[in-house]
Amino acid sequence: MRLKSNKVPHGQDILNPEWPDAKWDVGGLFVHDDNIFQLLDNIKQRYDCVLPITSVFGCYNVRWQGGRTACTSPISNYSGWTPEDLIRQYNDRGIGVTFTFSNTLIKEEHLSDPSCNYLLDILATQGYENNAVAITCDILSDYIRNKWPHVTQKASIVKLASEMPKRRTFEYYESLFEKYDKIYLHPDDNLNLRLCEKIAESGKVDKYELLVNEKCTINCSIRKEHYDETSSAVIEGWHGMFNFSNVDFIHNPSHPNSICERWTKSDLRSCVLSKAEFKELYDMGFRNFKLQGRDAPWGFVNYNISDWLVEQDTIAPMLNF
């Protein structure tokens, strides 16, 4: 039996050696900021390493918000907090901020929402090239492109599930670049190796981002309905500027309108990638990956960071206590 070294790795050696060049977009903006900053600082001080987190994503339940919900997040969770301060803190660390403006039901009448416009004014004013918005509705994309032309736009997973709920082709993904700068690949498509190979060979692999730890059932038949239900609740629960909507947890099995297939089809696997599946995608040339967690406790986020970003024998166990 070969024992591990008595000395702890240091510097870049603390990163997972199987995929040392992977870059990560972590869910938790406006929810887990304090914990994210503390983790980054502790890793830097203890191991002299900057974790390769290049972006964080999330948003309040303002009118344009969609996808998952962070309705239980506190109004402030970072000392000295204002949205502007928080975005600047991330940007000063080399981390971009992505607002999840992925509501599926946005119409012309919603474009003037004061909270969303205020947040985007702040984001654009920072002038940081990796700040972005994840979008579902083209009407919102056009509005943002006209008003804040330099803000990066990402085609959201919600958009893909809404427009092409069953099957997405390489040609469909290519067409999204006519309007969007980057694309979140649908989690089901992480396992479509023929599609992933085409993307990897397209010369645009760096414009794609893959969600690694998607908890939803693979090929979920009601994903679109869940997204629409969340979007409807956000819009209908609007109470004025920064009076956030109180959205019920959409994945609760007692929800009256759509019961999550994680309960009704519990024999099916989730979209969470195995390490072997991830490595195959990494070896194809994919380097940008996403970890969800904005609707989960910090322990879930911390576990996934330790599970994917760092060396497993020595460093990962030390991040999990």
Protein backbone atom coordinates (compact mmCIF):
# COMPACT_ATOMS: atom_id res chain seq x y z
CA MET A 1 0.00 0.00 0.00
CA ARG A 2 1.35 3.40 -1.00
CA LEU A 3 0.77 6.08 1.63
CA LYS A 4 0.09 9.67 0.73
CA SER A 5 2.74 12.25 1.50
CA ASN A 6 3.05 13.68 4.99
CA LYS A 7 3.25 17.14 3.45
CA VAL A 8 0.24 19.05 2.20
CA PRO A 9 0.33 20.27 -1.43
CA HIS A 10 0.86 23.97 -1.98
CA GLY A 11 0.19 26.53 -4.68
CA GLN A 12 -1.35 25.25 -7.90
CA ASP A 13 -0.68 21.70 -6.73
CA ILE A 14 -3.80 21.87 -4.53
CA LEU A 15 -6.01 21.92 -7.65
CA ASN A 16 -7.50 18.70 -8.97
CA PRO A 17 -4.69 17.20 -11.08
CA GLU A 18 -7.18 15.49 -13.42
CA TRP A 19 -8.40 18.85 -14.78
CA PRO A 20 -6.00 21.58 -13.62
CA ASP A 21 -7.09 24.10 -16.28
CA ALA A 22 -10.82 23.95 -15.55
CA LYS A 23 -12.50 27.29 -14.80
CA TRP A 24 -15.61 27.55 -12.69
CA ASP A 25 -18.82 29.59 -12.48
CA VAL A 26 -20.34 29.13 -9.01
CA GLY A 27 -23.94 29.72 -7.93
CA GLY A 28 -24.38 31.87 -4.85
CA LEU A 29 -24.43 35.55 -5.79
CA PHE A 30 -26.39 37.57 -3.18
CA VAL A 31 -26.73 34.35 -1.15
CA HIS A 32 -23.33 32.88 -0.20
CA ASP A 33 -21.03 35.85 -0.78
CA ASP A 34 -19.60 35.97 2.73
CA ASN A 35 -18.75 32.28 2.61
CA ILE A 36 -17.27 32.48 -0.89
CA PHE A 37 -14.98 35.36 0.11
CA GLN A 38 -13.91 33.56 3.29
CA LEU A 39 -13.14 30.37 1.38
CA LEU A 40 -11.11 32.22 -1.25
CA ASP A 41 -9.17 34.11 1.42
CA ASN A 42 -8.51 30.98 3.49
CA ILE A 43 -7.27 29.05 0.46
CA LYS A 44 -4.99 31.91 -0.55
CA GLN A 45 -3.56 32.37 2.94
CA ARG A 46 -3.17 28.68 3.74
CA TYR A 47 -2.05 27.24 0.40
CA ASP A 48 -0.98 30.30 -1.63
CA CYS A 49 -3.45 29.41 -4.35
CA VAL A 50 -6.23 31.37 -6.03
CA LEU A 51 -9.10 29.01 -6.77
CA PRO A 52 -10.07 29.09 -10.47
CA ILE A 53 -13.51 30.59 -9.83
CA THR A 54 -13.91 33.05 -12.69
CA SER A 55 -17.59 33.90 -12.21
CA VAL A 56 -20.45 33.74 -9.73
CA PHE A 57 -24.11 33.76 -10.73
CA GLY A 58 -27.51 34.41 -9.21
CA CYS A 59 -29.89 37.26 -8.46
CA TYR A 60 -32.68 38.46 -6.24
CA ASN A 61 -36.23 37.52 -7.16
CA VAL A 62 -36.67 40.70 -9.15
CA ARG A 63 -38.95 40.57 -12.15
CA TRP A 64 -36.45 39.33 -14.72
CA GLN A 65 -35.12 36.59 -12.45
CA GLY A 66 -35.81 33.00 -13.48
CA GLY A 67 -34.66 29.40 -13.32
CA ARG A 68 -34.06 28.53 -9.71
CA THR A 69 -35.09 30.77 -6.86
CA ALA A 70 -33.15 32.15 -3.93
CA CYS A 71 -36.14 33.52 -2.06
CA THR A 72 -34.74 32.60 1.36
CA SER A 73 -31.55 34.58 0.86
CA PRO A 74 -31.07 37.47 3.30
CA ILE A 75 -31.30 41.01 2.03
CA SER A 76 -27.69 41.49 3.05
CA ASN A 77 -25.18 38.79 3.86
CA TYR A 78 -21.92 40.62 3.45
CA SER A 79 -20.66 43.23 5.89
CA GLY A 80 -20.60 46.69 4.32
CA TRP A 81 -23.03 45.41 1.71
CA THR A 82 -24.48 47.25 -1.22
CA PRO A 83 -24.96 45.61 -4.64
CA GLU A 84 -22.31 47.95 -6.06
CA ASP A 85 -19.79 47.11 -3.34
CA LEU A 86 -20.41 43.41 -3.75
CA ILE A 87 -19.95 43.41 -7.52
CA ARG A 88 -16.79 45.48 -7.14
CA GLN A 89 -15.43 43.05 -4.53
CA TYR A 90 -15.85 40.15 -6.94
CA ASN A 91 -14.44 42.07 -9.90
CA ASP A 92 -11.40 43.18 -7.88
CA ARG A 93 -10.69 39.49 -7.27
CA GLY A 94 -10.86 38.72 -10.98
CA ILE A 95 -14.32 37.18 -10.70
CA GLY A 96 -17.17 38.15 -12.99
CA VAL A 97 -20.79 38.48 -11.91
CA THR A 98 -23.64 36.94 -13.91
CA PHE A 99 -27.23 38.00 -13.21
CA THR A 100 -29.71 35.19 -13.89
CA PHE A 101 -32.28 37.23 -15.80
CA SER A 102 -33.75 34.03 -17.24
CA ASN A 103 -37.47 34.55 -16.64
CA THR A 104 -39.43 32.80 -19.41
CA LEU A 105 -42.43 35.14 -19.43
CA ILE A 106 -40.96 38.61 -19.94
CA LYS A 107 -43.00 40.97 -22.11
CA GLU A 108 -42.59 44.57 -23.21
CA GLU A 109 -44.38 45.79 -20.09
CA HIS A 110 -41.75 44.21 -17.83
CA LEU A 111 -38.70 45.84 -19.43
CA SER A 112 -39.01 49.02 -17.38
CA ASP A 113 -38.74 47.17 -14.05
CA PRO A 114 -36.78 49.58 -11.81
CA SER A 115 -34.96 46.94 -9.76
CA CYS A 116 -33.56 45.10 -12.77
CA ASN A 117 -32.56 48.27 -14.60
CA TYR A 118 -30.87 49.56 -11.46
CA LEU A 119 -28.88 46.34 -11.06
CA LEU A 120 -27.81 46.36 -14.70
CA ASP A 121 -26.74 49.99 -14.48
CA ILE A 122 -24.43 49.00 -11.63
CA LEU A 123 -23.12 45.95 -13.48
CA ALA A 124 -22.40 47.88 -16.66
CA THR A 125 -20.78 50.78 -14.79
CA GLN A 126 -18.16 48.42 -13.38
CA GLY A 127 -16.84 47.91 -16.90
CA TYR A 128 -15.51 44.43 -16.08
CA GLU A 129 -15.44 42.28 -19.22
CA ASN A 130 -16.56 39.07 -17.50
CA ASN A 131 -19.72 40.58 -16.02
CA ALA A 132 -22.73 39.09 -17.78
CA VAL A 133 -26.42 38.33 -17.84
CA ALA A 134 -28.01 34.93 -18.47
CA ILE A 135 -31.12 35.40 -20.59
CA THR A 136 -34.09 33.39 -21.84
CA CYS A 137 -36.31 35.88 -23.70
CA ASP A 138 -35.04 37.50 -26.90
CA ILE A 139 -37.06 40.62 -26.16
CA LEU A 140 -34.96 41.14 -23.04
CA SER A 141 -31.77 40.37 -24.94
CA ASP A 142 -32.60 43.08 -27.49
CA TYR A 143 -33.45 45.58 -24.76
CA ILE A 144 -30.18 44.95 -22.91
CA ARG A 145 -28.11 44.96 -26.10
CA ASN A 146 -29.53 48.36 -27.00
CA LYS A 147 -29.13 49.91 -23.56
CA TRP A 148 -25.97 48.17 -22.28
CA PRO A 149 -24.21 46.94 -25.46
CA HIS A 150 -20.98 45.94 -23.73
CA VAL A 151 -22.54 43.57 -21.18
CA THR A 152 -21.88 39.94 -22.11
CA GLN A 153 -25.02 37.91 -22.77
CA LYS A 154 -25.28 34.18 -22.08
CA ALA A 155 -28.02 31.96 -23.49
CA SER A 156 -29.45 30.34 -20.36
CA ILE A 157 -30.26 26.68 -19.78
CA VAL A 158 -33.82 27.88 -19.23
CA LYS A 159 -33.86 29.26 -22.78
CA LEU A 160 -32.73 25.95 -24.24
CA ALA A 161 -35.30 23.99 -22.24
CA SER A 162 -38.06 26.40 -23.25
CA GLU A 163 -37.30 26.51 -26.97
CA MET A 164 -36.09 22.95 -27.52
CA PRO A 165 -37.30 20.88 -24.56
CA LYS A 166 -36.65 17.43 -26.03
CA ARG A 167 -33.67 17.61 -28.38
CA ARG A 168 -31.16 20.27 -29.30
CA THR A 169 -28.97 20.04 -32.38
CA PHE A 170 -25.54 21.47 -33.11
CA GLU A 171 -27.20 23.77 -35.64
CA TYR A 172 -29.55 25.08 -32.96
CA TYR A 173 -26.67 25.90 -30.65
CA GLU A 174 -24.79 27.59 -33.49
CA SER A 175 -27.82 29.78 -34.25
CA LEU A 176 -27.77 31.17 -30.71
CA PHE A 177 -24.48 32.94 -31.43
CA GLU A 178 -26.35 35.30 -33.73
CA LYS A 179 -27.63 37.00 -30.58
CA TYR A 180 -25.70 35.64 -27.59
CA ASP A 181 -22.01 35.80 -26.71
CA LYS A 182 -21.83 32.59 -24.69
CA ILE A 183 -23.99 29.51 -24.13
CA TYR A 184 -24.81 27.35 -21.14
CA LEU A 185 -25.05 23.82 -22.54
CA HIS A 186 -28.25 21.98 -21.56
CA PRO A 187 -27.31 19.44 -18.82
CA ASP A 188 -28.84 16.55 -20.76
CA ASP A 189 -26.46 17.36 -23.61
CA ASN A 190 -23.39 16.80 -21.46
CA LEU A 191 -24.04 13.11 -22.15
CA ASN A 192 -24.61 13.55 -25.89
CA LEU A 193 -21.02 12.86 -26.85
CA ARG A 194 -21.58 13.18 -30.58
CA LEU A 195 -22.98 16.69 -30.05
CA CYS A 196 -20.18 17.59 -27.63
CA GLU A 197 -17.57 16.43 -30.13
CA LYS A 198 -19.08 18.68 -32.80
CA ILE A 199 -18.99 21.62 -30.40
CA ALA A 200 -15.41 20.83 -29.39
CA GLU A 201 -14.37 20.81 -33.05
CA SER A 202 -16.30 23.98 -33.94
CA GLY A 203 -13.66 26.41 -32.76
CA LYS A 204 -16.11 27.86 -30.24
CA VAL A 205 -15.62 25.45 -27.34
CA ASP A 206 -14.48 28.33 -25.09
CA LYS A 207 -17.85 30.02 -25.57
CA TYR A 208 -19.70 27.12 -23.93
CA GLU A 209 -20.18 26.47 -20.23
CA LEU A 210 -21.23 23.07 -18.86
CA LEU A 211 -23.27 22.55 -15.68
CA VAL A 212 -21.65 19.70 -13.75
CA ASN A 213 -23.86 19.09 -10.70
CA GLU A 214 -27.42 19.43 -12.04
CA LYS A 215 -29.71 17.69 -9.56
CA CYS A 216 -32.67 17.35 -11.92
CA THR A 217 -33.61 14.02 -13.47
CA ILE A 218 -32.08 13.39 -16.86
CA ASN A 219 -34.50 14.09 -19.73
CA CYS A 220 -37.00 15.59 -17.28
CA SER A 221 -40.35 15.95 -19.04
CA ILE A 222 -41.59 18.87 -16.90
CA ARG A 223 -38.45 21.01 -16.76
CA LYS A 224 -40.06 23.67 -18.96
CA GLU A 225 -43.21 23.70 -16.78
CA HIS A 226 -41.09 24.19 -13.67
CA TYR A 227 -39.30 27.13 -15.23
CA ASP A 228 -42.58 28.70 -16.36
CA GLU A 229 -44.10 28.19 -12.93
CA THR A 230 -41.17 29.87 -11.21
CA SER A 231 -41.24 32.73 -13.73
CA SER A 232 -44.95 33.27 -13.24
CA ALA A 233 -44.60 33.34 -9.46
CA VAL A 234 -41.77 35.88 -9.67
CA ILE A 235 -43.74 38.23 -11.93
CA GLU A 236 -47.04 37.88 -10.10
CA GLY A 237 -45.36 38.36 -6.73
CA TRP A 238 -43.73 41.64 -7.67
CA HIS A 239 -44.37 44.36 -5.09
CA GLY A 240 -42.32 47.27 -6.37
CA MET A 241 -38.64 48.10 -6.43
CA PHE A 242 -36.65 45.60 -4.37
CA ASN A 243 -39.76 44.24 -2.67
CA PHE A 244 -38.76 40.72 -3.60
CA SER A 245 -41.19 38.05 -4.68
CA ASN A 246 -41.72 35.21 -2.23
CA VAL A 247 -41.59 32.15 -4.48
CA ASP A 248 -42.45 28.73 -3.09
CA PHE A 249 -39.82 26.03 -3.48
CA ILE A 250 -40.63 24.66 -6.89
CA HIS A 251 -39.03 21.27 -6.27
CA ASN A 252 -41.12 20.40 -3.22
CA PRO A 253 -43.07 17.20 -4.02
CA SER A 254 -46.19 18.67 -2.43
CA HIS A 255 -46.29 21.48 -4.99
CA PRO A 256 -49.76 21.34 -6.52
CA ASN A 257 -49.05 21.98 -10.19
CA SER A 258 -45.99 19.96 -11.10
CA ILE A 259 -44.34 17.26 -9.04
CA CYS A 260 -40.59 16.97 -9.55
CA GLU A 261 -39.51 13.81 -11.34
CA ARG A 262 -36.80 13.32 -8.75
CA TRP A 263 -39.66 11.90 -6.69
CA THR A 264 -42.00 10.48 -9.31
CA LYS A 265 -39.21 8.81 -11.31
CA SER A 266 -36.69 8.12 -8.59
CA ASP A 267 -35.27 5.15 -10.54
CA LEU A 268 -33.78 7.55 -13.12
CA ARG A 269 -30.37 9.13 -12.65
CA SER A 270 -29.79 12.83 -12.21
CA CYS A 271 -27.72 14.97 -14.56
CA VAL A 272 -24.83 15.11 -12.07
CA LEU A 273 -21.74 14.02 -13.96
CA SER A 274 -19.49 11.23 -12.80
CA LYS A 275 -15.80 12.00 -12.67
CA ALA A 276 -15.23 9.77 -15.71
CA GLU A 277 -17.95 11.58 -17.69
CA PHE A 278 -16.48 14.95 -16.73
CA LYS A 279 -12.95 13.87 -17.68
CA GLU A 280 -14.14 12.80 -21.13
CA LEU A 281 -15.60 16.26 -21.72
CA TYR A 282 -12.48 17.93 -20.35
CA ASP A 283 -10.30 15.87 -22.66
CA MET A 284 -12.42 17.02 -25.62
CA GLY A 285 -11.32 20.57 -24.85
CA PHE A 286 -14.09 21.98 -22.65
CA ARG A 287 -12.67 24.22 -19.92
CA ASN A 288 -15.59 26.31 -18.61
CA PHE A 289 -17.85 24.64 -16.07
CA LYS A 290 -20.70 25.62 -13.79
CA LEU A 291 -21.66 24.55 -10.25
CA GLN A 292 -25.21 25.26 -9.11
CA GLY A 293 -25.99 26.14 -5.51
CA ARG A 294 -27.86 29.45 -5.27
CA ASP A 295 -30.96 27.60 -4.06
CA ALA A 296 -29.02 25.38 -1.64
CA PRO A 297 -27.29 25.75 1.75
CA TRP A 298 -23.63 26.75 1.83
CA GLY A 299 -22.65 23.21 2.83
CA PHE A 300 -23.83 21.98 -0.58
CA VAL A 301 -21.76 24.61 -2.40
CA ASN A 302 -18.69 24.03 -0.25
CA TYR A 303 -18.92 20.27 -0.79
CA ASN A 304 -19.10 20.66 -4.57
CA ILE A 305 -16.17 23.08 -4.63
CA SER A 306 -14.10 20.58 -2.65
CA ASP A 307 -15.33 17.69 -4.80
CA TRP A 308 -14.48 19.25 -8.15
CA LEU A 309 -11.88 22.00 -7.81
CA VAL A 310 -9.19 20.61 -5.52
CA GLU A 311 -6.91 17.62 -4.98
CA GLN A 312 -8.94 14.85 -3.39
CA ASP A 313 -6.65 12.94 -1.02
CA THR A 314 -5.44 15.77 1.19
CA ILE A 315 -7.07 19.10 0.34
CA ALA A 316 -10.72 18.12 -0.20
CA PRO A 317 -11.16 16.55 3.26
CA MET A 318 -9.72 19.68 4.86
CA LEU A 319 -12.32 21.89 3.16
CA ASN A 320 -15.21 19.82 4.46
CA PHE A 321 -15.08 20.39 8.20
